[in-house]
N, C-alpha and C. Protein backbone atom coordinates (compact mmCIF):
# COMPACT_ATOMS: atom_id res chain seq x y z
N MET A 1 106.35 96.79 132.48
CA MET A 1 106.74 98.17 132.34
C MET A 1 106.68 98.87 133.70
N SER A 2 107.45 99.94 133.83
CA SER A 2 107.43 100.71 135.07
C SER A 2 107.22 102.18 134.74
N GLN A 3 106.55 102.90 135.66
CA GLN A 3 106.28 104.31 135.43
C GLN A 3 107.57 105.10 135.58
N GLN A 4 107.80 106.02 134.64
CA GLN A 4 109.07 106.72 134.62
C GLN A 4 108.94 108.23 134.62
N GLU A 5 107.71 108.79 134.42
CA GLU A 5 107.65 110.22 134.17
C GLU A 5 106.47 110.89 134.82
N SER A 6 106.67 112.12 135.28
CA SER A 6 105.59 112.98 135.71
C SER A 6 105.15 113.83 134.53
N GLN A 7 104.07 114.60 134.71
CA GLN A 7 103.52 115.41 133.63
C GLN A 7 104.53 116.43 133.11
N GLU A 8 105.39 116.95 134.00
CA GLU A 8 106.23 118.08 133.61
C GLU A 8 107.44 117.68 132.78
N GLN A 9 107.90 116.46 132.90
CA GLN A 9 109.12 116.07 132.20
C GLN A 9 108.86 115.93 130.70
N SER A 10 109.90 116.19 129.92
CA SER A 10 109.74 116.01 128.48
C SER A 10 109.76 114.52 128.14
N LEU A 11 109.05 114.20 127.06
CA LEU A 11 109.02 112.80 126.64
C LEU A 11 110.40 112.32 126.24
N HIS A 12 111.16 113.16 125.55
CA HIS A 12 112.45 112.70 125.04
C HIS A 12 113.46 112.47 126.16
N SER A 13 113.35 113.23 127.24
CA SER A 13 114.29 112.98 128.34
C SER A 13 114.00 111.65 129.01
N THR A 14 112.74 111.24 128.99
CA THR A 14 112.35 109.97 129.60
C THR A 14 112.51 108.80 128.65
N LEU A 15 112.29 109.06 127.36
CA LEU A 15 112.27 107.99 126.37
C LEU A 15 113.54 107.95 125.52
N ALA A 16 114.64 108.38 126.09
CA ALA A 16 115.91 108.35 125.36
C ALA A 16 116.22 106.93 124.90
N ASP A 17 116.64 106.82 123.64
CA ASP A 17 117.02 105.53 123.04
C ASP A 17 115.83 104.58 122.90
N THR A 18 114.61 105.12 122.93
CA THR A 18 113.41 104.31 122.73
C THR A 18 112.97 104.43 121.28
N ALA A 19 112.79 103.29 120.62
CA ALA A 19 112.49 103.31 119.19
C ALA A 19 111.00 103.33 118.90
N ASN A 20 110.22 102.51 119.59
CA ASN A 20 108.81 102.33 119.26
C ASN A 20 107.94 102.57 120.48
N ILE A 21 107.02 103.51 120.35
CA ILE A 21 106.23 104.00 121.48
C ILE A 21 104.75 103.85 121.15
N LEU A 22 103.99 103.30 122.08
CA LEU A 22 102.54 103.20 121.96
C LEU A 22 101.92 104.42 122.63
N LEU A 23 101.18 105.23 121.85
CA LEU A 23 100.56 106.44 122.37
C LEU A 23 99.07 106.17 122.58
N CYS A 24 98.69 105.98 123.84
CA CYS A 24 97.31 105.60 124.21
C CYS A 24 96.54 106.85 124.59
N THR A 25 95.47 107.14 123.85
CA THR A 25 94.76 108.39 124.06
C THR A 25 93.26 108.21 123.95
N PRO A 26 92.50 109.06 124.65
CA PRO A 26 91.07 109.13 124.38
C PRO A 26 90.84 109.74 122.99
N PRO A 27 89.70 109.50 122.37
CA PRO A 27 89.42 110.12 121.07
C PRO A 27 89.40 111.65 121.17
N MET A 28 89.94 112.31 120.14
CA MET A 28 89.88 113.77 120.02
C MET A 28 90.51 114.49 121.21
N SER A 29 91.62 114.01 121.68
CA SER A 29 92.28 114.62 122.83
C SER A 29 93.31 115.66 122.38
N PRO A 30 93.17 116.93 122.79
CA PRO A 30 94.20 117.93 122.46
C PRO A 30 95.57 117.55 123.00
N ALA A 31 95.61 116.91 124.17
CA ALA A 31 96.89 116.50 124.74
C ALA A 31 97.57 115.44 123.89
N ALA A 32 96.77 114.65 123.17
CA ALA A 32 97.35 113.66 122.27
C ALA A 32 98.09 114.34 121.13
N ASP A 33 97.52 115.41 120.58
CA ASP A 33 98.19 116.15 119.52
C ASP A 33 99.50 116.75 120.02
N ASP A 34 99.48 117.28 121.24
CA ASP A 34 100.70 117.86 121.80
C ASP A 34 101.79 116.80 121.96
N SER A 35 101.41 115.63 122.48
CA SER A 35 102.40 114.56 122.67
C SER A 35 102.89 114.04 121.33
N CYS A 36 101.99 113.93 120.36
CA CYS A 36 102.38 113.50 119.01
C CYS A 36 103.45 114.43 118.44
N MET A 37 103.20 115.74 118.51
CA MET A 37 104.17 116.67 117.95
C MET A 37 105.47 116.66 118.73
N GLU A 38 105.40 116.50 120.04
CA GLU A 38 106.62 116.44 120.84
C GLU A 38 107.48 115.25 120.42
N LEU A 39 106.85 114.12 120.15
CA LEU A 39 107.59 112.93 119.72
C LEU A 39 108.15 113.09 118.30
N LEU A 40 107.53 113.94 117.50
CA LEU A 40 108.01 114.17 116.13
C LEU A 40 109.12 115.22 116.07
N THR A 41 109.39 115.90 117.17
CA THR A 41 110.39 116.96 117.16
C THR A 41 111.40 116.76 118.28
N PRO A 42 112.38 115.88 118.08
CA PRO A 42 113.42 115.66 119.10
C PRO A 42 114.14 116.97 119.43
N PRO A 43 114.47 117.19 120.70
CA PRO A 43 115.10 118.44 121.11
C PRO A 43 116.59 118.46 120.84
N THR A 44 116.96 118.32 119.59
CA THR A 44 118.37 118.34 119.21
C THR A 44 118.54 119.25 118.01
N GLU A 45 119.78 119.47 117.62
CA GLU A 45 120.04 120.28 116.44
C GLU A 45 119.92 119.47 115.15
N THR A 46 119.66 118.17 115.28
CA THR A 46 119.59 117.30 114.11
C THR A 46 118.32 117.57 113.31
N ASP A 47 118.44 117.63 111.98
CA ASP A 47 117.28 117.72 111.12
C ASP A 47 116.46 116.44 111.23
N VAL A 48 115.16 116.55 110.91
CA VAL A 48 114.30 115.37 110.96
C VAL A 48 113.65 115.13 109.61
N ASN A 49 113.50 113.84 109.29
CA ASN A 49 112.65 113.38 108.20
C ASN A 49 111.38 112.83 108.84
N VAL A 50 110.23 113.33 108.45
CA VAL A 50 108.96 113.00 109.10
C VAL A 50 108.13 112.09 108.19
N LEU A 51 107.77 110.93 108.71
CA LEU A 51 106.88 110.01 107.99
C LEU A 51 105.57 109.89 108.75
N TRP A 52 104.47 110.18 108.07
CA TRP A 52 103.14 109.96 108.62
C TRP A 52 102.50 108.79 107.89
N VAL A 53 102.02 107.82 108.65
CA VAL A 53 101.14 106.79 108.11
C VAL A 53 99.74 107.17 108.57
N ALA A 54 98.93 107.65 107.64
CA ALA A 54 97.71 108.36 108.00
C ALA A 54 96.46 107.58 107.61
N TYR A 55 95.91 106.88 108.59
CA TYR A 55 94.56 106.33 108.46
C TYR A 55 93.53 107.39 108.88
N SER A 56 93.87 108.14 109.92
CA SER A 56 92.89 109.00 110.59
C SER A 56 93.02 110.47 110.22
N ARG A 57 94.03 110.85 109.47
CA ARG A 57 94.22 112.23 109.05
C ARG A 57 94.30 112.30 107.54
N THR A 58 93.88 113.42 106.98
CA THR A 58 94.12 113.68 105.57
C THR A 58 95.54 114.21 105.42
N PRO A 59 96.13 114.12 104.22
CA PRO A 59 97.46 114.71 104.03
C PRO A 59 97.51 116.19 104.38
N ASP A 60 96.47 116.95 103.99
CA ASP A 60 96.45 118.37 104.34
C ASP A 60 96.46 118.56 105.85
N ASN A 61 95.73 117.72 106.56
CA ASN A 61 95.68 117.84 108.01
C ASN A 61 97.04 117.57 108.63
N CYS A 62 97.75 116.58 108.10
CA CYS A 62 99.11 116.29 108.60
C CYS A 62 100.02 117.50 108.43
N LEU A 63 99.99 118.09 107.24
CA LEU A 63 100.86 119.23 106.97
C LEU A 63 100.46 120.43 107.83
N THR A 64 99.16 120.66 107.97
CA THR A 64 98.69 121.77 108.80
C THR A 64 99.10 121.56 110.24
N HIS A 65 98.99 120.32 110.73
CA HIS A 65 99.39 119.98 112.09
C HIS A 65 100.85 120.33 112.31
N TRP A 66 101.70 119.97 111.36
CA TRP A 66 103.13 120.27 111.50
C TRP A 66 103.36 121.78 111.50
N HIS A 67 102.77 122.50 110.54
CA HIS A 67 103.03 123.93 110.42
C HIS A 67 102.49 124.72 111.61
N GLN A 68 101.43 124.20 112.26
CA GLN A 68 100.87 124.89 113.42
C GLN A 68 101.68 124.64 114.68
N HIS A 69 102.30 123.46 114.77
CA HIS A 69 102.94 123.07 116.03
C HIS A 69 104.46 122.90 115.93
N GLY A 70 104.97 122.65 114.73
CA GLY A 70 106.40 122.43 114.58
C GLY A 70 107.17 123.73 114.63
N ASN A 71 108.33 123.71 115.25
CA ASN A 71 109.13 124.92 115.38
C ASN A 71 110.10 125.12 114.23
N THR A 72 110.37 124.06 113.48
CA THR A 72 111.34 124.14 112.39
C THR A 72 110.78 123.44 111.15
N GLN A 73 111.39 123.73 110.03
CA GLN A 73 111.05 123.05 108.79
C GLN A 73 111.79 121.71 108.75
N PRO A 74 111.09 120.60 108.54
CA PRO A 74 111.78 119.31 108.48
C PRO A 74 112.63 119.20 107.22
N ALA A 75 113.61 118.31 107.27
CA ALA A 75 114.41 118.06 106.07
C ALA A 75 113.54 117.47 104.97
N ASP A 76 112.61 116.60 105.36
CA ASP A 76 111.70 115.97 104.38
C ASP A 76 110.46 115.48 105.11
N ILE A 77 109.34 115.44 104.40
CA ILE A 77 108.11 114.85 104.92
C ILE A 77 107.58 113.89 103.87
N SER A 78 107.16 112.71 104.30
CA SER A 78 106.47 111.77 103.43
C SER A 78 105.20 111.33 104.14
N ILE A 79 104.09 111.31 103.40
CA ILE A 79 102.80 110.93 103.97
C ILE A 79 102.27 109.74 103.18
N ILE A 80 101.98 108.66 103.90
CA ILE A 80 101.34 107.50 103.29
C ILE A 80 99.87 107.55 103.68
N ASN A 81 99.04 107.87 102.72
CA ASN A 81 97.61 108.07 102.93
C ASN A 81 96.90 106.74 102.72
N VAL A 82 96.38 106.16 103.79
CA VAL A 82 95.86 104.79 103.73
C VAL A 82 94.34 104.78 103.63
N GLY A 83 93.83 104.08 102.61
CA GLY A 83 92.41 103.88 102.49
C GLY A 83 91.65 105.04 101.91
N ASP A 84 92.34 105.98 101.29
CA ASP A 84 91.68 107.15 100.71
C ASP A 84 92.42 107.54 99.45
N SER A 85 91.79 107.38 98.29
CA SER A 85 92.46 107.68 97.03
C SER A 85 92.42 109.16 96.70
N VAL A 86 91.67 109.96 97.49
CA VAL A 86 91.58 111.40 97.24
C VAL A 86 92.64 112.11 98.05
N ARG A 87 93.41 112.94 97.41
CA ARG A 87 94.44 113.69 98.12
C ARG A 87 94.42 115.13 97.67
N SER A 88 94.99 115.99 98.47
CA SER A 88 95.01 117.40 98.15
C SER A 88 95.89 117.66 96.94
N ALA A 89 95.36 118.37 95.98
CA ALA A 89 96.14 118.68 94.78
C ALA A 89 97.32 119.58 95.13
N SER A 90 97.11 120.55 96.03
CA SER A 90 98.20 121.46 96.37
C SER A 90 99.32 120.72 97.07
N ALA A 91 98.99 119.80 97.99
CA ALA A 91 100.02 119.04 98.69
C ALA A 91 100.71 118.09 97.75
N ALA A 92 99.95 117.43 96.87
CA ALA A 92 100.53 116.44 95.98
C ALA A 92 101.51 117.06 94.99
N THR A 93 101.23 118.29 94.60
CA THR A 93 102.10 118.94 93.61
C THR A 93 103.17 119.80 94.24
N GLY A 94 103.24 119.78 95.58
CA GLY A 94 104.29 120.53 96.25
C GLY A 94 103.91 121.96 96.54
N GLY A 95 102.62 122.31 96.43
CA GLY A 95 102.19 123.67 96.70
C GLY A 95 102.22 123.96 98.19
N GLY A 96 103.41 124.14 98.73
CA GLY A 96 103.56 124.37 100.16
C GLY A 96 103.92 123.10 100.91
N GLY A 97 103.77 121.96 100.30
CA GLY A 97 104.10 120.71 100.96
C GLY A 97 105.50 120.27 100.62
N PRO A 98 106.33 119.89 101.61
CA PRO A 98 107.74 119.61 101.36
C PRO A 98 108.04 118.21 100.88
N GLY A 99 107.08 117.32 100.79
CA GLY A 99 107.44 115.96 100.43
C GLY A 99 106.33 115.24 99.70
N PRO A 100 106.59 114.03 99.21
CA PRO A 100 105.62 113.30 98.41
C PRO A 100 104.52 112.68 99.25
N ILE A 101 103.42 112.41 98.59
CA ILE A 101 102.29 111.71 99.19
C ILE A 101 102.06 110.44 98.42
N GLN A 102 101.98 109.32 99.15
CA GLN A 102 101.65 108.04 98.54
C GLN A 102 100.29 107.59 99.06
N THR A 103 99.58 106.82 98.27
CA THR A 103 98.29 106.30 98.69
C THR A 103 98.30 104.78 98.64
N VAL A 104 97.88 104.15 99.74
CA VAL A 104 97.58 102.72 99.77
C VAL A 104 96.06 102.64 99.78
N ALA A 105 95.46 102.31 98.63
CA ALA A 105 94.03 102.49 98.45
C ALA A 105 93.19 101.63 99.38
N SER A 106 93.64 100.39 99.65
CA SER A 106 92.89 99.49 100.52
C SER A 106 93.44 99.56 101.93
N ALA A 107 92.58 99.91 102.88
CA ALA A 107 93.03 100.06 104.26
C ALA A 107 93.50 98.74 104.87
N GLY A 108 93.10 97.61 104.29
CA GLY A 108 93.53 96.32 104.80
C GLY A 108 94.72 95.73 104.07
N ASP A 109 95.31 96.50 103.16
CA ASP A 109 96.44 96.00 102.36
C ASP A 109 97.74 96.20 103.11
N LEU A 110 98.05 95.30 104.02
CA LEU A 110 99.25 95.44 104.83
C LEU A 110 100.52 95.20 104.03
N THR A 111 100.43 94.37 102.99
CA THR A 111 101.60 94.16 102.13
C THR A 111 101.95 95.45 101.42
N GLY A 112 100.96 96.11 100.83
CA GLY A 112 101.20 97.38 100.14
C GLY A 112 101.70 98.45 101.09
N LEU A 113 101.13 98.49 102.29
CA LEU A 113 101.56 99.48 103.28
C LEU A 113 103.00 99.22 103.70
N GLY A 114 103.35 97.95 103.93
CA GLY A 114 104.71 97.62 104.32
C GLY A 114 105.72 98.01 103.26
N ILE A 115 105.37 97.78 101.99
CA ILE A 115 106.27 98.16 100.90
C ILE A 115 106.45 99.67 100.85
N ALA A 116 105.35 100.42 101.02
CA ALA A 116 105.43 101.87 100.97
C ALA A 116 106.32 102.41 102.09
N ILE A 117 106.16 101.87 103.30
CA ILE A 117 106.99 102.31 104.42
C ILE A 117 108.46 101.95 104.18
N SER A 118 108.71 100.74 103.71
CA SER A 118 110.09 100.31 103.44
C SER A 118 110.75 101.20 102.41
N ASN A 119 110.00 101.61 101.38
CA ASN A 119 110.56 102.47 100.35
C ASN A 119 110.98 103.82 100.92
N VAL A 120 110.16 104.38 101.79
CA VAL A 120 110.52 105.67 102.41
C VAL A 120 111.76 105.52 103.28
N LEU A 121 111.79 104.49 104.11
CA LEU A 121 112.95 104.28 104.98
C LEU A 121 114.22 104.08 104.16
N SER A 122 114.11 103.38 103.03
CA SER A 122 115.28 103.17 102.16
C SER A 122 115.76 104.48 101.56
N GLN A 123 114.82 105.35 101.16
CA GLN A 123 115.20 106.63 100.57
C GLN A 123 115.95 107.51 101.56
N TRP A 124 115.61 107.37 102.84
CA TRP A 124 116.22 108.22 103.86
C TRP A 124 117.41 107.57 104.55
N ALA A 125 117.75 106.36 104.16
CA ALA A 125 118.78 105.60 104.88
C ALA A 125 120.14 106.29 104.86
N GLU A 126 120.44 106.99 103.77
CA GLU A 126 121.77 107.59 103.63
C GLU A 126 121.81 109.05 104.05
N THR A 127 120.72 109.58 104.59
CA THR A 127 120.70 110.97 105.02
C THR A 127 121.16 111.07 106.47
N ASP A 128 121.53 112.28 106.87
CA ASP A 128 121.96 112.52 108.24
C ASP A 128 120.79 112.87 109.16
N ALA A 129 119.63 113.10 108.59
CA ALA A 129 118.48 113.53 109.39
C ALA A 129 117.92 112.36 110.22
N GLN A 130 117.37 112.68 111.37
CA GLN A 130 116.70 111.70 112.23
C GLN A 130 115.32 111.38 111.66
N THR A 131 115.04 110.10 111.44
CA THR A 131 113.72 109.70 110.97
C THR A 131 112.76 109.61 112.16
N VAL A 132 111.61 110.29 112.04
CA VAL A 132 110.56 110.22 113.05
C VAL A 132 109.28 109.81 112.35
N VAL A 133 108.48 108.98 113.03
CA VAL A 133 107.32 108.36 112.39
C VAL A 133 106.09 108.50 113.29
N CYS A 134 104.96 108.87 112.69
CA CYS A 134 103.67 108.85 113.36
C CYS A 134 102.76 107.88 112.62
N PHE A 135 102.26 106.86 113.30
CA PHE A 135 101.31 105.90 112.73
C PHE A 135 99.96 106.20 113.37
N ASP A 136 99.04 106.77 112.60
CA ASP A 136 97.77 107.25 113.12
C ASP A 136 96.61 106.63 112.32
N SER A 137 96.04 105.52 112.76
CA SER A 137 96.23 104.96 114.09
C SER A 137 96.02 103.45 114.04
N LEU A 138 96.43 102.78 115.13
CA LEU A 138 96.19 101.34 115.24
C LEU A 138 94.70 101.05 115.40
N THR A 139 93.99 101.95 116.05
CA THR A 139 92.54 101.76 116.19
C THR A 139 91.88 101.72 114.82
N ALA A 140 92.29 102.60 113.92
CA ALA A 140 91.75 102.58 112.55
C ALA A 140 92.17 101.31 111.82
N LEU A 141 93.44 100.93 111.96
CA LEU A 141 93.93 99.70 111.31
C LEU A 141 93.09 98.50 111.71
N LEU A 142 92.75 98.41 113.00
CA LEU A 142 92.03 97.25 113.51
C LEU A 142 90.57 97.20 113.08
N GLN A 143 90.11 98.23 112.40
CA GLN A 143 88.79 98.18 111.79
C GLN A 143 88.81 97.34 110.51
N TYR A 144 89.99 97.08 109.98
CA TYR A 144 90.11 96.44 108.68
C TYR A 144 90.81 95.08 108.71
N VAL A 145 91.59 94.82 109.75
CA VAL A 145 92.30 93.53 109.84
C VAL A 145 92.12 92.95 111.22
N GLU A 146 92.24 91.63 111.31
CA GLU A 146 92.14 90.96 112.60
C GLU A 146 93.35 91.29 113.48
N PRO A 147 93.18 91.26 114.79
CA PRO A 147 94.29 91.59 115.69
C PRO A 147 95.54 90.77 115.46
N GLU A 148 95.38 89.47 115.19
CA GLU A 148 96.55 88.62 114.98
C GLU A 148 97.33 89.04 113.73
N LYS A 149 96.60 89.42 112.68
CA LYS A 149 97.27 89.87 111.45
C LYS A 149 97.96 91.21 111.69
N ALA A 150 97.30 92.10 112.44
CA ALA A 150 97.93 93.38 112.78
C ALA A 150 99.19 93.15 113.60
N TYR A 151 99.15 92.22 114.54
CA TYR A 151 100.31 91.92 115.37
C TYR A 151 101.49 91.46 114.52
N GLU A 152 101.23 90.56 113.59
CA GLU A 152 102.32 90.06 112.74
C GLU A 152 102.93 91.19 111.91
N PHE A 153 102.09 92.04 111.36
CA PHE A 153 102.58 93.18 110.57
C PHE A 153 103.40 94.12 111.45
N LEU A 154 102.90 94.45 112.62
CA LEU A 154 103.58 95.40 113.49
C LEU A 154 104.87 94.82 114.08
N HIS A 155 104.91 93.52 114.26
CA HIS A 155 106.14 92.87 114.74
C HIS A 155 107.27 93.10 113.74
N VAL A 156 106.97 92.95 112.46
CA VAL A 156 107.98 93.19 111.42
C VAL A 156 108.30 94.68 111.33
N LEU A 157 107.25 95.52 111.34
CA LEU A 157 107.46 96.96 111.16
C LEU A 157 108.27 97.57 112.29
N THR A 158 107.96 97.24 113.52
CA THR A 158 108.73 97.80 114.63
C THR A 158 110.19 97.38 114.57
N GLY A 159 110.45 96.17 114.07
CA GLY A 159 111.83 95.74 113.87
C GLY A 159 112.53 96.56 112.81
N GLN A 160 111.83 96.86 111.72
CA GLN A 160 112.40 97.70 110.66
C GLN A 160 112.71 99.10 111.17
N LEU A 161 111.80 99.65 111.94
CA LEU A 161 112.00 101.00 112.45
C LEU A 161 113.16 101.05 113.44
N PHE A 162 113.30 100.03 114.26
CA PHE A 162 114.45 99.96 115.17
C PHE A 162 115.75 99.89 114.38
N ALA A 163 115.76 99.07 113.33
CA ALA A 163 116.98 98.93 112.51
C ALA A 163 117.33 100.22 111.79
N ALA A 164 116.30 101.03 111.49
CA ALA A 164 116.52 102.30 110.79
C ALA A 164 116.84 103.45 111.75
N ASP A 165 116.97 103.14 113.05
CA ASP A 165 117.22 104.17 114.07
C ASP A 165 116.14 105.24 114.09
N ALA A 166 114.92 104.85 113.76
CA ALA A 166 113.80 105.78 113.76
C ALA A 166 113.21 105.92 115.16
N ILE A 167 112.57 107.04 115.40
CA ILE A 167 111.75 107.24 116.60
C ILE A 167 110.30 107.22 116.12
N ALA A 168 109.56 106.20 116.52
CA ALA A 168 108.21 106.01 115.98
C ALA A 168 107.20 105.92 117.12
N HIS A 169 106.04 106.53 116.89
CA HIS A 169 104.95 106.34 117.84
C HIS A 169 103.68 105.95 117.08
N PHE A 170 102.86 105.17 117.77
CA PHE A 170 101.67 104.57 117.17
C PHE A 170 100.46 104.93 118.04
N HIS A 171 99.51 105.65 117.47
CA HIS A 171 98.31 106.04 118.20
C HIS A 171 97.37 104.85 118.37
N ILE A 172 96.71 104.79 119.53
CA ILE A 172 95.65 103.81 119.75
C ILE A 172 94.69 104.39 120.80
N SER A 173 93.41 104.08 120.66
CA SER A 173 92.40 104.40 121.67
C SER A 173 92.06 103.10 122.39
N PRO A 174 92.65 102.82 123.53
CA PRO A 174 92.49 101.51 124.18
C PRO A 174 91.04 101.13 124.46
N ASP A 175 90.21 102.12 124.78
CA ASP A 175 88.82 101.81 125.13
C ASP A 175 88.03 101.26 123.94
N ALA A 176 88.58 101.38 122.73
CA ALA A 176 87.89 100.87 121.55
C ALA A 176 88.15 99.39 121.33
N HIS A 177 89.00 98.77 122.16
CA HIS A 177 89.41 97.39 121.94
C HIS A 177 89.29 96.59 123.23
N ASP A 178 89.22 95.28 123.08
CA ASP A 178 89.20 94.44 124.28
C ASP A 178 90.60 94.39 124.90
N ASP A 179 90.63 94.03 126.18
CA ASP A 179 91.89 94.04 126.92
C ASP A 179 92.93 93.10 126.32
N GLN A 180 92.49 91.97 125.78
CA GLN A 180 93.42 91.00 125.21
C GLN A 180 94.13 91.57 123.99
N THR A 181 93.39 92.29 123.15
CA THR A 181 93.99 92.89 121.96
C THR A 181 95.01 93.96 122.36
N VAL A 182 94.65 94.80 123.30
CA VAL A 182 95.56 95.86 123.73
C VAL A 182 96.82 95.26 124.35
N ALA A 183 96.66 94.24 125.17
CA ALA A 183 97.82 93.60 125.81
C ALA A 183 98.74 92.96 124.77
N MET A 184 98.16 92.34 123.75
CA MET A 184 98.95 91.71 122.71
C MET A 184 99.78 92.75 121.96
N LEU A 185 99.16 93.85 121.59
CA LEU A 185 99.88 94.89 120.85
C LEU A 185 100.90 95.60 121.75
N ARG A 186 100.54 95.81 122.99
CA ARG A 186 101.43 96.51 123.93
C ARG A 186 102.78 95.79 124.04
N SER A 187 102.79 94.48 123.90
CA SER A 187 104.02 93.71 124.05
C SER A 187 105.06 94.03 122.98
N LEU A 188 104.64 94.69 121.90
CA LEU A 188 105.56 94.99 120.80
C LEU A 188 106.38 96.26 121.04
N PHE A 189 106.00 97.05 122.04
CA PHE A 189 106.56 98.39 122.15
C PHE A 189 107.52 98.52 123.33
N ASP A 190 108.48 99.43 123.14
CA ASP A 190 109.49 99.69 124.17
C ASP A 190 108.93 100.56 125.30
N ALA A 191 107.93 101.36 124.97
CA ALA A 191 107.39 102.31 125.94
C ALA A 191 105.93 102.61 125.60
N GLU A 192 105.24 103.16 126.58
CA GLU A 192 103.83 103.51 126.42
C GLU A 192 103.58 104.87 127.04
N VAL A 193 102.96 105.74 126.28
CA VAL A 193 102.53 107.05 126.78
C VAL A 193 101.02 107.05 126.81
N SER A 194 100.43 107.24 127.99
CA SER A 194 98.98 107.22 128.14
C SER A 194 98.49 108.61 128.51
N ILE A 195 97.48 109.07 127.78
CA ILE A 195 96.82 110.34 128.08
C ILE A 195 95.51 110.03 128.77
N THR A 196 95.31 110.57 129.98
CA THR A 196 94.09 110.31 130.73
C THR A 196 92.96 111.23 130.26
N GLU A 197 91.75 110.97 130.76
CA GLU A 197 90.61 111.82 130.42
C GLU A 197 90.82 113.25 130.91
N ASP A 198 91.65 113.43 131.92
CA ASP A 198 91.96 114.77 132.44
C ASP A 198 93.19 115.38 131.77
N ASP A 199 93.65 114.75 130.71
CA ASP A 199 94.81 115.22 129.94
C ASP A 199 96.12 115.12 130.73
N ASP A 200 96.15 114.32 131.79
CA ASP A 200 97.43 114.00 132.42
C ASP A 200 98.16 112.98 131.56
N ARG A 201 99.47 112.93 131.72
CA ARG A 201 100.28 112.06 130.89
C ARG A 201 101.08 111.10 131.77
N ILE A 202 100.96 109.82 131.48
CA ILE A 202 101.68 108.79 132.22
C ILE A 202 102.56 108.05 131.22
N VAL A 203 103.84 107.93 131.55
CA VAL A 203 104.80 107.28 130.66
C VAL A 203 105.34 106.03 131.35
N LEU A 204 105.25 104.92 130.64
CA LEU A 204 105.77 103.64 131.12
C LEU A 204 106.85 103.17 130.18
N THR A 205 107.93 102.65 130.72
CA THR A 205 109.00 102.08 129.90
C THR A 205 109.35 100.70 130.42
N ARG A 206 109.94 99.91 129.52
CA ARG A 206 110.37 98.56 129.92
C ARG A 206 111.61 98.65 130.79
């Protein structure tokens, strides 16, 4: 990969035509939230369908995050809540929430998670809206499955997202993993956005 961006440039201007992005951040970084929302809101007139795969956020938190930082109402939102069978009643019944919530009860159930993601992508395949995806997070996923199993799952998933013309980013805290694991996962992505401890942003592309 080569460095392509300074702090001031927008992510979308640098990552044009990039399907799958690894978002490397320190834990609890405000700059990570800003970059996440920027990747979920392409600077075009096109409507967006937003998919959250949420290991690290509750469904209510995902919706609050969008309403606090998003400038427009998405065409649709779908949240796949992983490893938590409890969900907000107001969000589940549409009380202010624009889309359905699904639960994959076992955080290590990659087959169930893959089916849930495929179902959402299929539902949106015939729409004109741009599909954008936040997977939060790979660090949480790796608490439940071995790196090799995660790699195999992500190899298939990133291919599906590319085929669906989605813009997807995957959160990870690199310091939580050994260098070999990070390098293995990094090879799956078209680009990498790294947030430093000082909240500077470094973008690498292939």
